[in-house]
């Protein structure tokens, strides 16, 4: 596993669960005013490979590479 985005992942993972929930993702991205609730839902859907409703670190790397760079 790459450690490239580990610091950012930890900032998103507010409850230290090891995964980012849709709520945690929304809080950060929607506060930016660049992303709508629909944008955030699409991001989650696109990168949530196991359909858990949360983003693992590996899925987070994909999200950053695809949407946040």
Protein backbone atom coordinates (compact mmCIF):
# COMPACT_ATOMS: atom_id res chain seq x y z
CA UNK A 1 0.00 0.00 0.00
CA UNK A 2 1.28 3.42 -0.95
CA UNK A 3 1.59 6.03 1.78
CA UNK A 4 1.28 8.92 -0.69
CA UNK A 5 -2.03 10.26 0.63
CA UNK A 6 -2.02 8.86 4.17
CA UNK A 7 -2.00 12.26 5.92
CA UNK A 8 -4.98 13.46 3.88
CA UNK A 9 -6.80 10.17 4.47
CA UNK A 10 -6.38 10.55 8.22
CA UNK A 11 -7.79 14.10 8.04
CA UNK A 12 -10.91 12.81 6.25
CA UNK A 13 -11.27 9.81 8.61
CA UNK A 14 -12.52 11.88 11.55
CA UNK A 15 -13.51 8.91 13.73
CA UNK A 16 -10.28 6.95 13.10
CA UNK A 17 -12.26 3.95 11.87
CA UNK A 18 -9.83 3.19 9.05
CA UNK A 19 -12.43 4.14 6.44
CA UNK A 20 -14.07 7.36 5.30
CA UNK A 21 -17.84 7.39 5.57
CA UNK A 22 -20.06 9.27 3.14
CA UNK A 23 -20.78 11.73 5.94
CA UNK A 24 -17.08 12.39 6.54
CA UNK A 25 -16.53 12.85 2.81
CA UNK A 26 -19.50 15.22 2.50
CA UNK A 27 -18.45 17.36 5.46
CA UNK A 28 -15.07 18.12 3.95
CA UNK A 29 -15.93 18.33 0.26
CA UNK A 30 -19.24 20.18 0.53
CA UNK A 31 -17.67 22.77 2.86
CA UNK A 32 -15.37 23.58 -0.05
CA UNK A 33 -18.41 24.74 -2.12
CA UNK A 34 -16.78 23.16 -5.16
CA UNK A 35 -18.68 19.89 -4.80
CA UNK A 36 -22.44 19.39 -4.58
CA UNK A 37 -24.05 16.52 -2.64
CA UNK A 38 -24.60 14.80 -5.99
CA UNK A 39 -20.89 15.16 -6.85
CA UNK A 40 -19.91 13.58 -3.55
CA UNK A 41 -22.35 10.69 -4.04
CA UNK A 42 -20.97 10.07 -7.54
CA UNK A 43 -17.39 10.08 -6.25
CA UNK A 44 -18.26 7.52 -3.60
CA UNK A 45 -20.11 5.36 -6.10
CA UNK A 46 -17.20 5.48 -8.55
CA UNK A 47 -14.47 4.51 -6.09
CA UNK A 48 -16.31 2.30 -3.58
CA UNK A 49 -15.26 -0.97 -5.24
CA UNK A 50 -16.61 -3.23 -2.49
CA UNK A 51 -19.87 -1.23 -2.20
CA UNK A 52 -19.45 -0.92 1.57
CA UNK A 53 -20.63 2.69 1.65
CA UNK A 54 -17.23 3.70 2.99
CA UNK A 55 -13.91 4.47 1.37
CA UNK A 56 -10.86 2.43 2.34
CA UNK A 57 -7.39 3.88 1.98
CA UNK A 58 -6.90 2.15 -1.38
CA UNK A 59 -10.21 3.53 -2.62
CA UNK A 60 -9.24 6.97 -1.29
CA UNK A 61 -6.09 6.93 -3.42
CA UNK A 62 -8.28 6.34 -6.48
CA UNK A 63 -10.63 9.15 -5.46
CA UNK A 64 -7.76 11.63 -5.10
CA UNK A 65 -6.19 10.61 -8.40
CA UNK A 66 -9.50 10.85 -10.26
CA UNK A 67 -11.21 13.88 -8.67
CA UNK A 68 -9.01 15.91 -6.35
CA UNK A 69 -5.67 16.38 -8.06
